[in-house]
Amino acid sequence: MRVGALGALTVLLSACGGTAGPPPAAVQQAAPPAPPARTSAPPPDPAEHAANELGDVPVLMYHRITDKPTTVYDRTPADFRAELLRLAKEKYVPVTTAEYAAGDIDIPAGTHPVVLTFDDGHPSQFALTPQGEPVPGTAVAIMLEVAEQNPRFRPVASFYVNGDPFDDPGGKRTLKWLVDHDMEVGNHTLTHSNLGNASPEAAQRDIARGDAAIRAAGVRARTISLPFGIHPDRAELATKGSADGVAYDYIGALLVGANPAPSPYSADFDPLRIPRIRSQGPTGDEAAFGSSVWLDKLAAAPKSRYTSDGVPDRIAYPRDTDRTVAANHKGKAHSY
């Protein structure tokens, strides 16, 4: 027979010739106050923000940031800063190529994604001081300054590197810093190879060598920027293949291109062929295909531009759009 604690005490006292007396009155404790009812704010109204998550996304391409441009691929630090300030003013929020390609776009309602990409690992894009800070005047330093002035402007970009990027042997210091600060490091092949001139085996080897060099710095690449925008003869080898014991499997491949990219939720999205827009002022050779002109076009036709609804797991778009949701995203589609 099990005996409770109070009963055990009574038995013990009886055995010793004593009495336990009446049990103490039960202590009545007041119930804790009920927590206030939780109320969750309703999700943003897509119509209020003119959301269109099937709209176009500018993927901008940069190379050198220099006071003395010598090609249309160069931009001065002042021009680069002005372009970032324009993007911030027009409610663009940077995302990485990998975030864009994966459809992982989580930005406030009414804002627009933009992808900032840098090819070749030039030290004008990024370098570290001996103290481990971005060198003033580099693209990364300018980006951080613009973000400090514009808190909604997320200071992230994707850097596509070759061997010894940013004049840093093996990228041992620089690549880890970038990833630790939410940047993306992607493959641009070890020697900037023209993959279109290579056999399938050689193309895989060129890509795998670049991938291995990035891994040696403690970083993993998720996307690739094709040198010269040229695929291997077998285009699928740009994103998946192997050589010399190194296998690579990327979720996106960047072209050179001359126009905005489709929404990653659109049926038009092709991860093997993500177009880019060269960063360029409103004048000069082929300026009609550059960033200044394209940003003007997107501003003049806001319905064509990707505008966020502020809900990461919902893809909102107007009913009258002529875009089609990709089959793998139909479960999240919401027309209004």
Protein backbone atom coordinates (compact mmCIF):
# COMPACT_ATOMS: atom_id res chain seq x y z
CA MET A 1 0.00 0.00 0.00
CA ARG A 2 1.39 3.42 -0.95
CA VAL A 3 1.35 5.97 1.89
CA GLY A 4 1.36 9.73 1.25
CA ALA A 5 3.87 12.00 2.99
CA LEU A 6 1.33 13.25 5.57
CA GLY A 7 0.13 9.69 6.24
CA ALA A 8 3.69 8.53 6.72
CA LEU A 9 4.22 11.26 9.33
CA THR A 10 1.07 10.15 11.22
CA VAL A 11 2.23 6.56 11.26
CA LEU A 12 5.66 7.58 12.49
CA LEU A 13 4.31 9.74 15.35
CA SER A 14 1.87 7.03 16.43
CA ALA A 15 4.68 4.56 16.64
CA CYS A 16 6.58 6.96 18.86
CA GLY A 17 3.56 7.54 21.16
CA GLY A 18 2.77 11.02 19.76
CA THR A 19 -0.02 12.45 17.66
CA ALA A 20 0.29 14.14 14.34
CA GLY A 21 -2.57 16.58 14.91
CA PRO A 22 -4.81 17.82 12.16
CA PRO A 23 -3.25 18.27 8.76
CA PRO A 24 -2.36 21.86 7.91
CA ALA A 25 -4.83 23.74 5.79
CA ALA A 26 -4.01 23.63 2.12
CA VAL A 27 -2.33 26.77 0.91
CA GLN A 28 -4.47 28.49 -1.67
CA GLN A 29 -2.35 30.14 -4.39
CA ALA A 30 -3.80 32.72 -6.72
CA ALA A 31 -3.78 31.63 -10.36
CA PRO A 32 -1.27 33.60 -12.46
CA PRO A 33 -2.86 36.26 -14.61
CA ALA A 34 -3.68 35.09 -18.11
CA PRO A 35 -1.24 36.41 -20.73
CA PRO A 36 -2.67 39.05 -23.02
CA ALA A 37 -4.22 37.65 -26.15
CA ARG A 38 -1.81 37.59 -29.03
CA THR A 39 -2.80 39.57 -32.05
CA SER A 40 -0.81 39.20 -35.24
CA ALA A 41 -0.82 41.99 -37.75
CA PRO A 42 -2.48 41.06 -41.01
CA PRO A 43 -0.12 40.55 -43.94
CA PRO A 44 0.46 43.58 -46.15
CA ASP A 45 -2.21 44.15 -48.78
CA PRO A 46 -0.52 43.47 -52.15
CA ALA A 47 -2.84 45.91 -53.92
CA GLU A 48 -1.83 48.71 -51.54
CA HIS A 49 1.81 48.22 -52.52
CA ALA A 50 1.14 47.45 -56.21
CA ALA A 51 2.98 44.18 -55.66
CA ASN A 52 4.15 42.28 -58.71
CA GLU A 53 6.45 39.41 -57.87
CA LEU A 54 6.45 38.21 -61.45
CA GLY A 55 8.10 41.44 -62.59
CA ASP A 56 11.62 41.98 -63.91
CA VAL A 57 14.73 42.18 -61.73
CA PRO A 58 17.82 44.23 -62.67
CA VAL A 59 21.00 42.18 -62.25
CA LEU A 60 23.79 44.75 -62.57
CA MET A 61 27.29 43.86 -63.71
CA TYR A 62 30.43 45.67 -62.49
CA HIS A 63 34.12 45.21 -63.14
CA ARG A 64 36.68 47.86 -62.15
CA ILE A 65 35.92 50.88 -59.97
CA THR A 66 38.57 53.38 -61.01
CA ASP A 67 39.17 57.12 -61.27
CA LYS A 68 40.42 56.64 -64.83
CA PRO A 69 38.05 54.40 -66.81
CA THR A 70 39.55 52.92 -69.96
CA THR A 71 36.64 50.71 -71.13
CA VAL A 72 32.85 50.74 -70.94
CA TYR A 73 33.15 48.14 -68.18
CA ASP A 74 34.82 50.62 -65.79
CA ARG A 75 33.00 52.98 -63.43
CA THR A 76 34.40 55.79 -61.34
CA PRO A 77 33.86 55.66 -57.56
CA ALA A 78 31.62 58.74 -57.88
CA ASP A 79 29.51 57.08 -60.58
CA PHE A 80 29.24 53.88 -58.55
CA ARG A 81 28.17 55.78 -55.44
CA ALA A 82 25.62 57.78 -57.45
CA GLU A 83 24.13 54.59 -58.88
CA LEU A 84 23.79 53.01 -55.43
CA LEU A 85 22.18 56.18 -54.08
CA ARG A 86 19.75 56.14 -56.98
CA LEU A 87 18.87 52.52 -56.25
CA ALA A 88 18.30 53.32 -52.59
CA LYS A 89 16.12 56.33 -53.44
CA GLU A 90 14.01 54.23 -55.83
CA LYS A 91 13.42 51.58 -53.12
CA TYR A 92 15.69 48.87 -54.47
CA VAL A 93 17.03 46.37 -51.94
CA PRO A 94 20.08 44.28 -52.90
CA VAL A 95 19.92 40.49 -52.79
CA THR A 96 22.63 38.04 -53.83
CA THR A 97 22.52 36.02 -57.03
CA ALA A 98 22.04 32.85 -54.99
CA GLU A 99 19.09 34.36 -53.12
CA TYR A 100 17.55 35.53 -56.37
CA ALA A 101 18.09 32.20 -58.18
CA ALA A 102 16.70 30.22 -55.23
CA GLY A 103 13.64 32.47 -55.00
CA ASP A 104 14.71 33.45 -51.48
CA ILE A 105 13.70 37.11 -51.75
CA ASP A 106 12.65 38.53 -48.38
CA ILE A 107 12.41 42.31 -48.69
CA PRO A 108 9.87 44.86 -47.40
CA ALA A 109 6.54 45.41 -49.13
CA GLY A 110 6.74 47.99 -51.90
CA THR A 111 10.48 47.53 -52.50
CA HIS A 112 12.28 45.99 -55.47
CA PRO A 113 15.14 43.47 -55.54
CA VAL A 114 18.37 44.32 -57.34
CA VAL A 115 21.40 42.05 -57.72
CA LEU A 116 24.86 43.66 -57.67
CA THR A 117 27.46 41.42 -59.32
CA PHE A 118 31.21 41.94 -59.66
CA ASP A 119 33.44 39.95 -62.03
CA ASP A 120 37.18 39.20 -61.99
CA GLY A 121 38.05 39.87 -58.31
CA HIS A 122 39.74 43.22 -59.00
CA PRO A 123 41.17 44.96 -55.89
CA SER A 124 39.20 48.11 -56.75
CA GLN A 125 36.10 46.09 -55.84
CA PHE A 126 37.40 44.91 -52.50
CA ALA A 127 40.56 44.78 -50.46
CA LEU A 128 41.34 44.68 -46.76
CA THR A 129 43.56 46.98 -44.74
CA PRO A 130 46.12 45.38 -42.40
CA GLN A 131 43.54 45.97 -39.66
CA GLY A 132 40.98 43.87 -41.55
CA GLU A 133 38.68 46.68 -42.73
CA PRO A 134 37.57 47.35 -46.33
CA VAL A 135 39.98 49.70 -48.07
CA PRO A 136 38.35 53.14 -48.46
CA GLY A 137 37.20 53.87 -51.99
CA THR A 138 36.65 50.24 -52.94
CA ALA A 139 33.20 49.13 -54.06
CA VAL A 140 32.55 47.32 -50.78
CA ALA A 141 33.54 50.36 -48.70
CA ILE A 142 31.29 52.60 -50.79
CA MET A 143 28.43 50.13 -50.51
CA LEU A 144 28.73 50.07 -46.72
CA GLU A 145 28.74 53.87 -46.58
CA VAL A 146 25.59 54.10 -48.71
CA ALA A 147 23.88 51.49 -46.53
CA GLU A 148 24.76 53.44 -43.40
CA GLN A 149 23.04 56.50 -44.88
CA ASN A 150 20.10 54.41 -46.13
CA PRO A 151 19.26 51.70 -43.56
CA ARG A 152 16.84 49.87 -45.87
CA PHE A 153 19.58 49.46 -48.49
CA ARG A 154 21.05 46.05 -47.68
CA PRO A 155 24.82 46.03 -48.32
CA VAL A 156 25.22 42.69 -50.12
CA ALA A 157 26.60 41.72 -53.51
CA SER A 158 27.94 38.70 -55.40
CA PHE A 159 31.64 38.53 -56.31
CA TYR A 160 32.79 36.19 -59.08
CA VAL A 161 36.44 35.41 -58.71
CA ASN A 162 39.38 33.86 -60.55
CA GLY A 163 42.66 32.73 -59.00
CA ASP A 164 44.17 34.94 -56.25
CA PRO A 165 41.22 37.37 -56.11
CA PHE A 166 41.64 40.97 -54.95
CA ASP A 167 45.45 40.50 -55.08
CA ASP A 168 45.04 38.24 -52.06
CA PRO A 169 46.88 34.94 -52.53
CA GLY A 170 44.23 32.24 -52.61
CA GLY A 171 41.67 34.73 -51.31
CA LYS A 172 42.50 33.50 -47.82
CA ARG A 173 41.63 36.80 -46.08
CA THR A 174 39.15 38.36 -48.44
CA LEU A 175 36.74 35.58 -49.39
CA LYS A 176 35.98 34.60 -45.80
CA TRP A 177 35.41 38.26 -44.89
CA LEU A 178 32.90 38.64 -47.70
CA VAL A 179 30.91 35.57 -46.70
CA ASP A 180 31.02 36.54 -43.02
CA HIS A 181 29.40 39.84 -44.04
CA ASP A 182 26.54 38.21 -45.99
CA MET A 183 28.14 38.66 -49.40
CA GLU A 184 28.25 35.86 -51.96
CA VAL A 185 31.39 34.45 -53.55
CA GLY A 186 30.85 32.72 -56.90
CA ASN A 187 32.95 30.97 -59.52
CA HIS A 188 34.37 32.76 -62.59
CA THR A 189 36.78 29.88 -63.42
CA LEU A 190 40.35 29.87 -62.18
CA THR A 191 41.85 31.52 -65.29
CA HIS A 192 38.84 33.29 -66.85
CA SER A 193 38.50 30.50 -69.40
CA ASN A 194 36.45 30.79 -72.58
CA LEU A 195 34.33 27.72 -71.99
CA GLY A 196 32.95 27.81 -75.52
CA ASN A 197 36.39 26.92 -76.90
CA ALA A 198 36.86 23.96 -74.58
CA SER A 199 35.88 20.32 -74.92
CA PRO A 200 33.25 19.09 -72.45
CA GLU A 201 36.01 17.54 -70.36
CA ALA A 202 38.15 20.68 -70.42
CA ALA A 203 35.18 22.92 -69.61
CA GLN A 204 34.36 20.86 -66.54
CA ARG A 205 38.00 20.95 -65.50
CA ASP A 206 38.17 24.76 -65.86
CA ILE A 207 35.04 25.20 -63.74
CA ALA A 208 36.08 22.60 -61.17
CA ARG A 209 39.52 24.23 -60.73
CA GLY A 210 37.87 27.53 -59.91
CA ASP A 211 35.48 25.83 -57.54
CA ALA A 212 38.33 24.02 -55.78
CA ALA A 213 40.24 27.28 -55.29
CA ILE A 214 37.21 28.87 -53.63
CA ARG A 215 36.74 25.85 -51.38
CA ALA A 216 40.41 26.03 -50.38
CA ALA A 217 39.64 29.46 -48.90
CA GLY A 218 36.90 27.91 -46.78
CA VAL A 219 34.00 29.11 -48.95
CA ARG A 220 31.48 27.31 -51.16
CA ALA A 221 30.20 28.74 -54.45
CA ARG A 222 26.51 28.38 -55.33
CA THR A 223 26.45 30.24 -58.64
CA ILE A 224 28.77 30.91 -61.58
CA SER A 225 29.41 33.90 -63.81
CA LEU A 226 30.37 32.62 -67.25
CA PRO A 227 33.52 34.33 -68.57
CA PHE A 228 32.52 36.41 -71.62
CA GLY A 229 28.98 35.15 -70.99
CA ILE A 230 29.75 31.99 -73.00
CA HIS A 231 28.46 28.52 -72.13
CA PRO A 232 30.29 25.28 -72.81
CA ASP A 233 29.07 23.44 -75.93
CA ARG A 234 26.92 21.40 -73.57
CA ALA A 235 25.28 24.29 -71.72
CA GLU A 236 24.22 22.20 -68.73
CA LEU A 237 27.90 21.68 -67.82
CA ALA A 238 28.00 25.32 -66.71
CA THR A 239 26.12 24.44 -63.55
CA LYS A 240 26.74 20.74 -62.96
CA GLY A 241 29.75 18.55 -63.61
CA SER A 242 32.97 17.21 -62.16
CA ALA A 243 36.68 16.88 -62.85
CA ASP A 244 39.73 15.67 -60.94
CA GLY A 245 37.62 14.57 -57.99
CA VAL A 246 35.82 17.92 -57.64
CA ALA A 247 32.06 18.00 -58.31
CA TYR A 248 30.18 21.28 -58.66
CA ASP A 249 26.42 21.86 -58.67
CA TYR A 250 25.26 25.49 -59.04
CA ILE A 251 21.77 26.96 -58.89
CA GLY A 252 22.41 29.69 -61.44
CA ALA A 253 24.68 30.84 -64.27
CA LEU A 254 25.10 34.50 -65.19
CA LEU A 255 25.42 35.81 -68.73
CA VAL A 256 26.74 39.19 -69.84
CA GLY A 257 23.37 40.13 -71.29
CA ALA A 258 21.82 43.52 -71.84
CA ASN A 259 18.40 43.46 -70.20
CA PRO A 260 16.70 42.77 -66.85
CA ALA A 261 16.22 39.22 -65.62
CA PRO A 262 12.83 37.57 -65.16
CA SER A 263 11.40 36.93 -61.73
CA PRO A 264 12.66 33.62 -60.31
CA TYR A 265 9.00 32.69 -59.84
CA SER A 266 8.17 33.24 -63.50
CA ALA A 267 7.88 30.51 -66.11
CA ASP A 268 10.42 32.58 -68.10
CA PHE A 269 13.16 32.05 -65.49
CA ASP A 270 16.05 29.91 -66.76
CA PRO A 271 18.76 29.30 -64.13
CA LEU A 272 21.24 28.45 -66.91
CA ARG A 273 20.79 31.85 -68.55
CA ILE A 274 20.43 34.76 -66.14
CA PRO A 275 20.90 38.02 -68.07
CA ARG A 276 22.69 41.02 -66.64
CA ILE A 277 22.85 44.74 -67.32
CA ARG A 278 26.25 46.41 -67.58
CA SER A 279 26.58 49.33 -65.17
CA GLN A 280 26.92 52.39 -67.39
CA GLY A 281 25.97 56.04 -67.59
CA PRO A 282 23.33 57.40 -69.97
CA THR A 283 25.79 58.04 -72.80
CA GLY A 284 28.59 56.18 -74.56
CA ASP A 285 28.90 53.00 -76.59
CA GLU A 286 25.82 50.80 -76.28
CA ALA A 287 24.43 53.00 -73.48
CA ALA A 288 20.94 51.95 -74.57
CA PHE A 289 21.69 48.58 -72.96
CA GLY A 290 23.32 50.01 -69.81
CA SER A 291 22.04 50.44 -66.27
CA SER A 292 21.16 54.14 -66.42
CA VAL A 293 18.82 53.66 -69.37
CA TRP A 294 17.31 50.46 -68.03
CA LEU A 295 16.64 51.94 -64.60
CA ASP A 296 14.89 54.81 -66.38
CA LYS A 297 12.75 52.31 -68.29
CA LEU A 298 11.83 50.38 -65.17
CA ALA A 299 10.91 53.59 -63.35
CA ALA A 300 8.73 54.66 -66.29
CA ALA A 301 6.95 51.29 -66.42
CA PRO A 302 6.59 50.28 -62.74
CA LYS A 303 4.11 47.50 -63.52
CA SER A 304 6.87 45.62 -65.33
CA ARG A 305 9.20 45.74 -62.34
CA TYR A 306 9.34 43.21 -59.50
CA THR A 307 7.68 44.81 -56.47
CA SER A 308 7.57 42.85 -53.22
CA ASP A 309 4.41 42.09 -51.28
CA GLY A 310 6.42 41.77 -48.05
CA VAL A 311 5.38 38.14 -47.45
CA PRO A 312 8.22 35.68 -48.22
CA ASP A 313 5.99 32.62 -48.70
CA ARG A 314 3.45 34.34 -50.96
CA ILE A 315 3.93 35.26 -54.62
CA ALA A 316 1.59 38.17 -55.29
CA TYR A 317 0.88 39.63 -58.70
CA PRO A 318 -1.98 41.49 -60.44
CA ARG A 319 -4.57 39.42 -62.25
CA ASP A 320 -4.05 41.30 -65.49
CA THR A 321 -0.35 40.43 -65.77
CA ASP A 322 0.81 38.65 -68.89
CA ARG A 323 3.41 36.67 -66.90
CA THR A 324 2.93 33.03 -65.90
CA VAL A 325 3.90 31.49 -62.57
CA ALA A 326 6.41 28.65 -62.85
CA ALA A 327 4.92 25.23 -62.12
CA ASN A 328 7.11 24.69 -59.04
CA HIS A 329 5.83 27.93 -57.46
CA LYS A 330 2.09 27.66 -58.14
CA GLY A 331 1.39 26.62 -54.56
CA LYS A 332 2.40 30.06 -53.32
CA ALA A 333 0.77 32.08 -56.10
CA HIS A 334 -1.69 34.82 -55.11
CA SER A 335 -3.30 37.01 -57.74
CA TYR A 336 -5.30 40.09 -56.79
